[in-house]
């Protein structure tokens, strides 16, 4: 299981090098410079993440819920108190294909430093062959987090495939009853045509534009209560075309946020994106119920 990212790294590395060099010759100077800078950053992020990957292999052990202060002379230990209304909703982080929770080290730290008390990450197996099954697993985990923290609803942040799993759970499995906001980072909402050689893996085929999963997500979703915020970038070499990372669905409350100069791997670690995520989560309650919108660029 640990070796999988190292096996896929050469494929990603080849694309990170070949595509920008080919495209840079066809772009205006400013756009070409932006693409090349983002590619260098992507390579640095890839190297760092390969080093961090082993630290996130095991499933996270959640912290115990908050408890009231012990009373003088009390014989029994204090019982957990729900935090509904006393803190922001929990945030559950979902990684991408053949990745793990280590990708969210910086984003988690950013959220905790800015007042979020409950931030957790869910690992799903890289051997998972069906996005729908991963969405069912997510649903069970969401119920457990809500029970443990006392919150009726929470927020989800998903990178790449993780965002698609989150959306499927909310839109197709009734998860909108539990999820207030879904934030996606470089997620192929309309399917991506990248890496055809990796399509031998069933879950990669489910991320293709012609897959049954993508077709299901285009079906009507009346009265969906969850708000979606999709971060996308023209420099994302894994999203082909880049605009597939936007959400365009008439029944969903959606905000598409364009990010300039940030590649696919850098989205979860970019400081401006982290600030945009914090802003989206903090403002979710005030904007619920509004129609689709186009958000401004954050980087």
C-alpha atoms as a PDB file:
ATOM      1  CA  UNK A   1       0.000   0.000   0.000  1.00  0.00           C
ATOM      2  CA  UNK A   2       2.822   2.388   0.835  1.00  0.00           C
ATOM      3  CA  UNK A   3       4.506   1.880  -2.535  1.00  0.00           C
ATOM      4  CA  UNK A   4       1.573   2.978  -4.672  1.00  0.00           C
ATOM      5  CA  UNK A   5       2.359   6.719  -4.791  1.00  0.00           C
ATOM      6  CA  UNK A   6       5.949   5.889  -5.692  1.00  0.00           C
ATOM      7  CA  UNK A   7       4.720   3.743  -8.587  1.00  0.00           C
ATOM      8  CA  UNK A   8       2.435   6.507  -9.876  1.00  0.00           C
ATOM      9  CA  UNK A   9       4.986   9.294  -9.349  1.00  0.00           C
ATOM     10  CA  UNK A  10       6.840   8.637 -12.648  1.00  0.00           C
ATOM     11  CA  UNK A  11       3.589   8.991 -14.630  1.00  0.00           C
ATOM     12  CA  UNK A  12       2.730  12.237 -12.897  1.00  0.00           C
ATOM     13  CA  UNK A  13       6.290  13.487 -13.227  1.00  0.00           C
ATOM     14  CA  UNK A  14       6.279  12.815 -16.964  1.00  0.00           C
ATOM     15  CA  UNK A  15       3.076  14.798 -17.406  1.00  0.00           C
ATOM     16  CA  UNK A  16       4.258  17.650 -15.199  1.00  0.00           C
ATOM     17  CA  UNK A  17       7.332  18.021 -17.390  1.00  0.00           C
ATOM     18  CA  UNK A  18       5.972  17.279 -20.862  1.00  0.00           C
ATOM     19  CA  UNK A  19       2.707  19.215 -20.923  1.00  0.00           C
ATOM     20  CA  UNK A  20       3.970  22.594 -19.621  1.00  0.00           C
ATOM     21  CA  UNK A  21       7.011  22.536 -21.903  1.00  0.00           C
ATOM     22  CA  UNK A  22       4.817  21.820 -24.912  1.00  0.00           C
ATOM     23  CA  UNK A  23       2.149  24.363 -23.970  1.00  0.00           C
ATOM     24  CA  UNK A  24       4.571  27.093 -22.919  1.00  0.00           C
ATOM     25  CA  UNK A  25       5.629  27.578 -26.533  1.00  0.00           C
ATOM     26  CA  UNK A  26       2.022  28.281 -27.541  1.00  0.00           C
ATOM     27  CA  UNK A  27       1.054  30.678 -24.735  1.00  0.00           C
ATOM     28  CA  UNK A  28       1.598  34.423 -24.310  1.00  0.00           C
ATOM     29  CA  UNK A  29       4.741  35.236 -22.274  1.00  0.00           C
ATOM     30  CA  UNK A  30       2.898  35.970 -18.999  1.00  0.00           C
ATOM     31  CA  UNK A  31       0.762  32.823 -19.162  1.00  0.00           C
ATOM     32  CA  UNK A  32       3.794  30.767 -20.164  1.00  0.00           C
ATOM     33  CA  UNK A  33       5.781  32.075 -17.183  1.00  0.00           C
ATOM     34  CA  UNK A  34       2.873  31.307 -14.830  1.00  0.00           C
ATOM     35  CA  UNK A  35       2.626  27.751 -16.137  1.00  0.00           C
ATOM     36  CA  UNK A  36       6.346  27.089 -15.782  1.00  0.00           C
ATOM     37  CA  UNK A  37       6.438  28.523 -12.236  1.00  0.00           C
ATOM     38  CA  UNK A  38       3.489  26.392 -11.191  1.00  0.00           C
ATOM     39  CA  UNK A  39       5.212  23.323 -12.660  1.00  0.00           C
ATOM     40  CA  UNK A  40       8.346  23.945 -10.603  1.00  0.00           C
ATOM     41  CA  UNK A  41       6.172  24.300  -7.511  1.00  0.00           C
ATOM     42  CA  UNK A  42       4.352  21.073  -8.382  1.00  0.00           C
ATOM     43  CA  UNK A  43       7.646  19.176  -8.541  1.00  0.00           C
ATOM     44  CA  UNK A  44       8.698  20.559  -5.152  1.00  0.00           C
ATOM     45  CA  UNK A  45       5.327  19.638  -3.632  1.00  0.00           C
ATOM     46  CA  UNK A  46       5.552  16.145  -5.126  1.00  0.00           C
ATOM     47  CA  UNK A  47       9.009  15.595  -3.607  1.00  0.00           C
ATOM     48  CA  UNK A  48       7.869  16.821  -0.199  1.00  0.00           C
ATOM     49  CA  UNK A  49       4.709  14.767  -0.250  1.00  0.00           C
ATOM     50  CA  UNK A  50       6.554  11.569  -1.119  1.00  0.00           C
ATOM     51  CA  UNK A  51       8.603  12.128   2.045  1.00  0.00           C
ATOM     52  CA  UNK A  52       5.518  12.800   4.171  1.00  0.00           C
ATOM     53  CA  UNK A  53       3.389  10.007   2.724  1.00  0.00           C
ATOM     54  CA  UNK A  54       4.469   7.291   5.214  1.00  0.00           C
ATOM     55  CA  UNK A  55       3.313   9.477   8.126  1.00  0.00           C
ATOM     56  CA  UNK A  56      -0.280   9.305   6.901  1.00  0.00           C
ATOM     57  CA  UNK A  57      -0.658   5.630   6.069  1.00  0.00           C
ATOM     58  CA  UNK A  58      -2.430   4.636   9.283  1.00  0.00           C
ATOM     59  CA  UNK A  59      -6.014   5.686   9.915  1.00  0.00           C
ATOM     60  CA  UNK A  60      -6.297   8.735  12.131  1.00  0.00           C
ATOM     61  CA  UNK A  61      -7.219   8.233  15.780  1.00  0.00           C
ATOM     62  CA  UNK A  62      -9.784  10.934  16.594  1.00  0.00           C
ATOM     63  CA  UNK A  63      -9.370  13.065  19.682  1.00  0.00           C
ATOM     64  CA  UNK A  64     -11.966  12.571  22.442  1.00  0.00           C
ATOM     65  CA  UNK A  65     -14.831  15.082  22.468  1.00  0.00           C
ATOM     66  CA  UNK A  66     -14.732  18.104  24.738  1.00  0.00           C
ATOM     67  CA  UNK A  67     -15.800  17.463  28.318  1.00  0.00           C
ATOM     68  CA  UNK A  68     -17.025  19.712  31.075  1.00  0.00           C
ATOM     69  CA  UNK A  69     -14.696  20.623  33.937  1.00  0.00           C
ATOM     70  CA  UNK A  70     -14.775  18.132  36.858  1.00  0.00           C
ATOM     71  CA  UNK A  71     -16.877  19.120  39.841  1.00  0.00           C
ATOM     72  CA  UNK A  72     -15.232  19.124  43.296  1.00  0.00           C
ATOM     73  CA  UNK A  73     -15.909  15.829  45.000  1.00  0.00           C
ATOM     74  CA  UNK A  74     -17.515  14.245  41.939  1.00  0.00           C
ATOM     75  CA  UNK A  75     -17.215  10.466  41.982  1.00  0.00           C
ATOM     76  CA  UNK A  76     -17.788   9.870  38.272  1.00  0.00           C
ATOM     77  CA  UNK A  77     -15.681  11.259  35.409  1.00  0.00           C
ATOM     78  CA  UNK A  78     -17.268  14.135  33.462  1.00  0.00           C
ATOM     79  CA  UNK A  79     -19.433  13.151  30.533  1.00  0.00           C
ATOM     80  CA  UNK A  80     -18.755  14.480  27.027  1.00  0.00           C
ATOM     81  CA  UNK A  81     -20.623  17.636  26.103  1.00  0.00           C
ATOM     82  CA  UNK A  82     -21.861  18.358  22.604  1.00  0.00           C
ATOM     83  CA  UNK A  83     -20.237  21.361  20.964  1.00  0.00           C
ATOM     84  CA  UNK A  84     -23.166  22.330  18.723  1.00  0.00           C
ATOM     85  CA  UNK A  85     -23.502  26.112  18.933  1.00  0.00           C
ATOM     86  CA  UNK A  86     -20.272  26.512  20.930  1.00  0.00           C
ATOM     87  CA  UNK A  87     -17.792  25.926  18.096  1.00  0.00           C
ATOM     88  CA  UNK A  88     -17.650  25.771  14.327  1.00  0.00           C
ATOM     89  CA  UNK A  89     -18.885  22.567  12.678  1.00  0.00           C
ATOM     90  CA  UNK A  90     -16.322  19.777  12.341  1.00  0.00           C
ATOM     91  CA  UNK A  91     -14.290  19.624   9.133  1.00  0.00           C
ATOM     92  CA  UNK A  92     -13.568  16.256   7.537  1.00  0.00           C
ATOM     93  CA  UNK A  93     -10.733  16.105   4.981  1.00  0.00           C
ATOM     94  CA  UNK A  94     -10.721  13.610   2.077  1.00  0.00           C
ATOM     95  CA  UNK A  95      -7.572  12.902   0.058  1.00  0.00           C
ATOM     96  CA  UNK A  96      -7.243  12.075  -3.632  1.00  0.00           C
ATOM     97  CA  UNK A  97      -6.430   8.932  -5.614  1.00  0.00           C
ATOM     98  CA  UNK A  98      -3.625   6.729  -4.147  1.00  0.00           C
ATOM     99  CA  UNK A  99      -2.944   9.400  -1.536  1.00  0.00           C
ATOM    100  CA  UNK A 100      -3.553   9.662   2.201  1.00  0.00           C
ATOM    101  CA  UNK A 101      -4.241  12.177   4.960  1.00  0.00           C
ATOM    102  CA  UNK A 102      -0.645  13.458   4.985  1.00  0.00           C
ATOM    103  CA  UNK A 103      -1.534  15.753   2.069  1.00  0.00           C
ATOM    104  CA  UNK A 104      -3.525  17.919   4.501  1.00  0.00           C
ATOM    105  CA  UNK A 105      -0.793  18.644   7.058  1.00  0.00           C
ATOM    106  CA  UNK A 106      -0.653  22.367   6.250  1.00  0.00           C
ATOM    107  CA  UNK A 107      -4.379  22.865   5.675  1.00  0.00           C
ATOM    108  CA  UNK A 108      -5.242  21.157   8.955  1.00  0.00           C
ATOM    109  CA  UNK A 109      -2.753  23.364  10.795  1.00  0.00           C
ATOM    110  CA  UNK A 110      -4.232  26.460   9.164  1.00  0.00           C
ATOM    111  CA  UNK A 111      -7.775  25.565  10.220  1.00  0.00           C
ATOM    112  CA  UNK A 112      -6.772  24.743  13.799  1.00  0.00           C
ATOM    113  CA  UNK A 113      -4.857  27.999  14.150  1.00  0.00           C
ATOM    114  CA  UNK A 114      -7.884  29.981  13.019  1.00  0.00           C
ATOM    115  CA  UNK A 115     -10.398  28.567  15.460  1.00  0.00           C
ATOM    116  CA  UNK A 116     -11.640  25.242  14.118  1.00  0.00           C
ATOM    117  CA  UNK A 117     -11.651  22.729  16.973  1.00  0.00           C
ATOM    118  CA  UNK A 118     -12.654  19.551  15.145  1.00  0.00           C
ATOM    119  CA  UNK A 119     -10.553  18.828  12.036  1.00  0.00           C
ATOM    120  CA  UNK A 120     -10.118  15.207  10.988  1.00  0.00           C
ATOM    121  CA  UNK A 121      -8.972  13.300   7.904  1.00  0.00           C
ATOM    122  CA  UNK A 122     -10.360  10.042   6.548  1.00  0.00           C
ATOM    123  CA  UNK A 123      -8.151   7.526   4.780  1.00  0.00           C
ATOM    124  CA  UNK A 124      -9.784   5.217   2.270  1.00  0.00           C
ATOM    125  CA  UNK A 125      -7.863   2.316   0.821  1.00  0.00           C
ATOM    126  CA  UNK A 126      -5.928   2.862  -2.445  1.00  0.00           C
ATOM    127  CA  UNK A 127      -7.315  -0.543  -3.399  1.00  0.00           C
ATOM    128  CA  UNK A 128     -10.864   0.875  -3.395  1.00  0.00           C
ATOM    129  CA  UNK A 129     -12.380   0.006  -6.757  1.00  0.00           C
ATOM    130  CA  UNK A 130     -15.756   1.748  -6.535  1.00  0.00           C
ATOM    131  CA  UNK A 131     -16.325   5.423  -5.776  1.00  0.00           C
ATOM    132  CA  UNK A 132     -19.826   4.598  -4.584  1.00  0.00           C
ATOM    133  CA  UNK A 133     -18.475   2.250  -1.905  1.00  0.00           C
ATOM    134  CA  UNK A 134     -16.061   4.956  -0.768  1.00  0.00           C
ATOM    135  CA  UNK A 135     -19.021   7.351  -0.513  1.00  0.00           C
ATOM    136  CA  UNK A 136     -20.878   4.844   1.669  1.00  0.00           C
ATOM    137  CA  UNK A 137     -17.834   4.572   3.938  1.00  0.00           C
ATOM    138  CA  UNK A 138     -17.732   8.362   4.124  1.00  0.00           C
ATOM    139  CA  UNK A 139     -21.390   8.391   5.179  1.00  0.00           C
ATOM    140  CA  UNK A 140     -20.702   6.050   8.097  1.00  0.00           C
ATOM    141  CA  UNK A 141     -17.739   8.163   9.152  1.00  0.00           C
ATOM    142  CA  UNK A 142     -19.790  11.364   8.982  1.00  0.00           C
ATOM    143  CA  UNK A 143     -22.418   9.834  11.271  1.00  0.00           C
ATOM    144  CA  UNK A 144     -19.711   8.814  13.735  1.00  0.00           C
ATOM    145  CA  UNK A 145     -18.144  12.288  13.778  1.00  0.00           C
ATOM    146  CA  UNK A 146     -21.521  13.957  14.304  1.00  0.00           C
ATOM    147  CA  UNK A 147     -22.338  11.578  17.144  1.00  0.00           C
ATOM    148  CA  UNK A 148     -18.967  12.088  18.811  1.00  0.00           C
ATOM    149  CA  UNK A 149     -18.879  15.878  18.547  1.00  0.00           C
ATOM    150  CA  UNK A 150     -22.559  16.615  19.107  1.00  0.00           C
ATOM    151  CA  UNK A 151     -22.924  18.485  15.814  1.00  0.00           C
ATOM    152  CA  UNK A 152     -25.842  17.761  13.526  1.00  0.00           C
ATOM    153  CA  UNK A 153     -23.929  18.856  10.405  1.00  0.00           C
ATOM    154  CA  UNK A 154     -20.307  19.198   9.342  1.00  0.00           C
ATOM    155  CA  UNK A 155     -18.186  20.434   6.437  1.00  0.00           C
ATOM    156  CA  UNK A 156     -16.206  18.362   3.936  1.00  0.00           C
ATOM    157  CA  UNK A 157     -13.029  19.348   2.090  1.00  0.00           C
ATOM    158  CA  UNK A 158     -11.945  16.995  -0.689  1.00  0.00           C
ATOM    159  CA  UNK A 159      -8.891  17.051  -2.942  1.00  0.00           C
ATOM    160  CA  UNK A 160      -9.294  15.567  -6.428  1.00  0.00           C
ATOM    161  CA  UNK A 161     -11.052  12.181  -6.103  1.00  0.00           C
ATOM    162  CA  UNK A 162     -11.902  13.017  -2.480  1.00  0.00           C
ATOM    163  CA  UNK A 163     -14.080  15.887  -3.664  1.00  0.00           C
ATOM    164  CA  UNK A 164     -15.928  13.598  -6.060  1.00  0.00           C
ATOM    165  CA  UNK A 165     -16.567  11.078  -3.274  1.00  0.00           C
ATOM    166  CA  UNK A 166     -17.890  13.872  -1.062  1.00  0.00           C
ATOM    167  CA  UNK A 167     -20.178  15.162  -3.806  1.00  0.00           C
ATOM    168  CA  UNK A 168     -21.528  11.682  -4.575  1.00  0.00           C
ATOM    169  CA  UNK A 169     -22.317  11.098  -0.892  1.00  0.00           C
ATOM    170  CA  UNK A 170     -24.129  14.423  -0.602  1.00  0.00           C
ATOM    171  CA  UNK A 171     -25.936  14.407  -3.939  1.00  0.00           C
ATOM    172  CA  UNK A 172     -26.767  10.712  -4.383  1.00  0.00           C
ATOM    173  CA  UNK A 173     -26.800   9.164  -0.887  1.00  0.00           C
ATOM    174  CA  UNK A 174     -28.714  11.788   1.083  1.00  0.00           C
ATOM    175  CA  UNK A 175     -25.633  13.282   2.691  1.00  0.00           C
ATOM    176  CA  UNK A 176     -27.022  16.810   2.391  1.00  0.00           C
ATOM    177  CA  UNK A 177     -28.847  16.143   5.669  1.00  0.00           C
ATOM    178  CA  UNK A 178     -25.480  15.973   7.434  1.00  0.00           C
ATOM    179  CA  UNK A 179     -23.170  18.143   5.317  1.00  0.00           C
ATOM    180  CA  UNK A 180     -23.382  21.919   5.386  1.00  0.00           C
ATOM    181  CA  UNK A 181     -20.593  22.708   2.894  1.00  0.00           C
ATOM    182  CA  UNK A 182     -18.461  20.708   0.463  1.00  0.00           C
ATOM    183  CA  UNK A 183     -15.213  22.338  -0.665  1.00  0.00           C
ATOM    184  CA  UNK A 184     -13.480  20.638  -3.588  1.00  0.00           C
ATOM    185  CA  UNK A 185      -9.894  21.208  -4.752  1.00  0.00           C
ATOM    186  CA  UNK A 186      -9.096  20.172  -8.304  1.00  0.00           C
ATOM    187  CA  UNK A 187     -11.970  17.676  -8.512  1.00  0.00           C
ATOM    188  CA  UNK A 188     -13.074  16.272 -11.913  1.00  0.00           C
ATOM    189  CA  UNK A 189     -16.768  17.144 -11.578  1.00  0.00           C
ATOM    190  CA  UNK A 190     -17.345  16.596 -15.304  1.00  0.00           C
ATOM    191  CA  UNK A 191     -14.662  13.922 -15.652  1.00  0.00           C
ATOM    192  CA  UNK A 192     -11.036  14.213 -16.697  1.00  0.00           C
ATOM    193  CA  UNK A 193      -9.242  12.792 -19.738  1.00  0.00           C
ATOM    194  CA  UNK A 194      -5.822  12.706 -18.108  1.00  0.00           C
ATOM    195  CA  UNK A 195      -3.622   9.586 -17.828  1.00  0.00           C
ATOM    196  CA  UNK A 196      -5.461   7.136 -20.136  1.00  0.00           C
ATOM    197  CA  UNK A 197      -2.829   4.528 -19.289  1.00  0.00           C
ATOM    198  CA  UNK A 198      -4.083   4.502 -15.691  1.00  0.00           C
ATOM    199  CA  UNK A 199      -7.659   3.779 -16.759  1.00  0.00           C
ATOM    200  CA  UNK A 200      -7.068   0.102 -16.033  1.00  0.00           C
ATOM    201  CA  UNK A 201      -7.949   0.994 -12.440  1.00  0.00           C
ATOM    202  CA  UNK A 202     -11.776   0.908 -12.011  1.00  0.00           C
ATOM    203  CA  UNK A 203     -11.939   4.060  -9.906  1.00  0.00           C
ATOM    204  CA  UNK A 204      -9.917   5.982 -12.504  1.00  0.00           C
ATOM    205  CA  UNK A 205     -12.442   4.899 -15.129  1.00  0.00           C
ATOM    206  CA  UNK A 206     -15.173   6.314 -12.901  1.00  0.00           C
ATOM    207  CA  UNK A 207     -13.458   9.712 -13.160  1.00  0.00           C
ATOM    208  CA  UNK A 208     -13.615   9.706 -16.965  1.00  0.00           C
ATOM    209  CA  UNK A 209     -16.151  12.016 -18.678  1.00  0.00           C
ATOM    210  CA  UNK A 210     -18.161   9.077 -20.048  1.00  0.00           C
ATOM    211  CA  UNK A 211     -18.447   7.146 -16.762  1.00  0.00           C
ATOM    212  CA  UNK A 212     -21.700   6.139 -15.064  1.00  0.00           C
ATOM    213  CA  UNK A 213     -20.678   8.041 -11.911  1.00  0.00           C
ATOM    214  CA  UNK A 214     -20.249  11.323 -13.809  1.00  0.00           C
ATOM    215  CA  UNK A 215     -23.600  10.696 -15.532  1.00  0.00           C
ATOM    216  CA  UNK A 216     -25.278  10.144 -12.140  1.00  0.00           C
ATOM    217  CA  UNK A 217     -23.891  13.436 -10.842  1.00  0.00           C
ATOM    218  CA  UNK A 218     -25.442  15.285 -13.788  1.00  0.00           C
ATOM    219  CA  UNK A 219     -28.936  14.037 -12.861  1.00  0.00           C
ATOM    220  CA  UNK A 220     -31.422  16.376 -11.141  1.00  0.00           C
ATOM    221  CA  UNK A 221     -30.786  17.028  -7.437  1.00  0.00           C
ATOM    222  CA  UNK A 222     -33.812  18.993  -6.258  1.00  0.00           C
ATOM    223  CA  UNK A 223     -33.791  20.494  -2.758  1.00  0.00           C
ATOM    224  CA  UNK A 224     -30.144  19.638  -2.075  1.00  0.00           C
ATOM    225  CA  UNK A 225     -29.311  21.586   1.107  1.00  0.00           C
ATOM    226  CA  UNK A 226     -25.516  21.486   0.851  1.00  0.00           C
ATOM    227  CA  UNK A 227     -23.454  24.378  -0.483  1.00  0.00           C
ATOM    228  CA  UNK A 228     -20.563  23.532  -2.859  1.00  0.00           C
ATOM    229  CA  UNK A 229     -17.381  25.582  -3.291  1.00  0.00           C
ATOM    230  CA  UNK A 230     -15.093  24.382  -6.091  1.00  0.00           C
ATOM    231  CA  UNK A 231     -11.514  25.650  -6.409  1.00  0.00           C
ATOM    232  CA  UNK A 232     -10.077  25.230  -9.907  1.00  0.00           C
ATOM    233  CA  UNK A 233      -6.962  26.348 -11.765  1.00  0.00           C
ATOM    234  CA  UNK A 234      -5.906  26.690 -15.390  1.00  0.00           C
ATOM    235  CA  UNK A 235      -2.503  25.322 -14.310  1.00  0.00           C
ATOM    236  CA  UNK A 236      -4.004  22.068 -12.998  1.00  0.00           C
ATOM    237  CA  UNK A 237      -2.428  19.496 -15.346  1.00  0.00           C
ATOM    238  CA  UNK A 238      -4.503  16.615 -13.941  1.00  0.00           C
ATOM    239  CA  UNK A 239      -7.840  18.219 -14.823  1.00  0.00           C
ATOM    240  CA  UNK A 240      -8.325  17.925 -18.604  1.00  0.00           C
ATOM    241  CA  UNK A 241      -9.894  20.251 -19.472  1.00  0.00           C
ATOM    242  CA  UNK A 242      -9.114  22.525 -16.516  1.00  0.00           C
ATOM    243  CA  UNK A 243     -12.710  23.743 -16.245  1.00  0.00           C
ATOM    244  CA  UNK A 244     -13.890  20.242 -15.381  1.00  0.00           C
ATOM    245  CA  UNK A 245     -12.971  21.137 -11.790  1.00  0.00           C
ATOM    246  CA  UNK A 246     -15.862  23.628 -11.767  1.00  0.00           C
ATOM    247  CA  UNK A 247     -19.366  22.598 -10.726  1.00  0.00           C
ATOM    248  CA  UNK A 248     -22.079  23.546 -13.197  1.00  0.00           C
ATOM    249  CA  UNK A 249     -25.380  22.047 -12.032  1.00  0.00           C
ATOM    250  CA  UNK A 250     -28.702  23.932 -12.036  1.00  0.00           C
ATOM    251  CA  UNK A 251     -29.982  22.344  -8.815  1.00  0.00           C
ATOM    252  CA  UNK A 252     -26.894  22.866  -6.631  1.00  0.00           C
ATOM    253  CA  UNK A 253     -25.793  25.906  -4.638  1.00  0.00           C
ATOM    254  CA  UNK A 254     -22.352  26.323  -6.170  1.00  0.00           C
ATOM    255  CA  UNK A 255     -19.467  28.802  -5.985  1.00  0.00           C
ATOM    256  CA  UNK A 256     -16.603  28.287  -8.433  1.00  0.00           C
ATOM    257  CA  UNK A 257     -13.346  29.873  -7.293  1.00  0.00           C
ATOM    258  CA  UNK A 258     -10.641  30.395  -9.906  1.00  0.00           C
ATOM    259  CA  UNK A 259      -7.089  30.048  -8.544  1.00  0.00           C
ATOM    260  CA  UNK A 260      -4.240  31.500 -10.596  1.00  0.00           C
ATOM    261  CA  UNK A 261      -0.837  29.855 -10.848  1.00  0.00           C
ATOM    262  CA  UNK A 262      -1.509  26.809  -8.635  1.00  0.00           C
ATOM    263  CA  UNK A 263      -1.115  23.247  -9.892  1.00  0.00           C
ATOM    264  CA  UNK A 264      -3.023  20.133  -8.864  1.00  0.00           C
ATOM    265  CA  UNK A 265      -0.694  18.915  -6.119  1.00  0.00           C
ATOM    266  CA  UNK A 266      -0.212  22.385  -4.665  1.00  0.00           C
ATOM    267  CA  UNK A 267      -3.909  23.105  -4.114  1.00  0.00           C
ATOM    268  CA  UNK A 268      -4.078  21.530  -0.610  1.00  0.00           C
ATOM    269  CA  UNK A 269      -0.862  23.262   0.536  1.00  0.00           C
ATOM    270  CA  UNK A 270      -1.221  26.709  -1.017  1.00  0.00           C
ATOM    271  CA  UNK A 271      -1.650  29.514   1.531  1.00  0.00           C
ATOM    272  CA  UNK A 272      -4.069  31.577  -0.561  1.00  0.00           C
ATOM    273  CA  UNK A 273      -6.245  28.510  -1.173  1.00  0.00           C
ATOM    274  CA  UNK A 274      -6.237  27.733   2.569  1.00  0.00           C
ATOM    275  CA  UNK A 275      -7.411  31.293   3.256  1.00  0.00           C
ATOM    276  CA  UNK A 276     -10.145  30.873   0.646  1.00  0.00           C
ATOM    277  CA  UNK A 277     -11.270  27.616   2.268  1.00  0.00           C
ATOM    278  CA  UNK A 278     -11.437  29.263   5.699  1.00  0.00           C
ATOM    279  CA  UNK A 279     -13.451  32.128   4.257  1.00  0.00           C
ATOM    280  CA  UNK A 280     -15.854  29.753   2.492  1.00  0.00           C
ATOM    281  CA  UNK A 281     -16.444  27.670   5.624  1.00  0.00           C
ATOM    282  CA  UNK A 282     -16.850  30.697   7.882  1.00  0.00           C
ATOM    283  CA  UNK A 283     -19.355  32.318   5.515  1.00  0.00           C
ATOM    284  CA  UNK A 284     -21.306  29.144   4.734  1.00  0.00           C
ATOM    285  CA  UNK A 285     -24.133  29.838   7.165  1.00  0.00           C
ATOM    286  CA  UNK A 286     -24.721  33.357   5.863  1.00  0.00           C
ATOM    287  CA  UNK A 287     -24.805  32.344   2.195  1.00  0.00           C
ATOM    288  CA  UNK A 288     -26.912  29.174   2.482  1.00  0.00           C
ATOM    289  CA  UNK A 289     -29.954  29.265   0.260  1.00  0.00           C
ATOM    290  CA  UNK A 290     -28.555  31.612  -2.360  1.00  0.00           C
ATOM    291  CA  UNK A 291     -28.375  30.622  -5.998  1.00  0.00           C
ATOM    292  CA  UNK A 292     -25.287  29.626  -7.979  1.00  0.00           C
ATOM    293  CA  UNK A 293     -22.497  32.166  -8.156  1.00  0.00           C
ATOM    294  CA  UNK A 294     -19.052  32.730  -9.593  1.00  0.00           C
ATOM    295  CA  UNK A 295     -16.517  33.582  -6.875  1.00  0.00           C
ATOM    296  CA  UNK A 296     -13.499  35.762  -7.467  1.00  0.00           C
ATOM    297  CA  UNK A 297      -9.966  34.477  -7.870  1.00  0.00           C
ATOM    298  CA  UNK A 298      -8.070  33.900  -4.637  1.00  0.00           C
ATOM    299  CA  UNK A 299      -4.520  33.726  -5.968  1.00  0.00           C
END
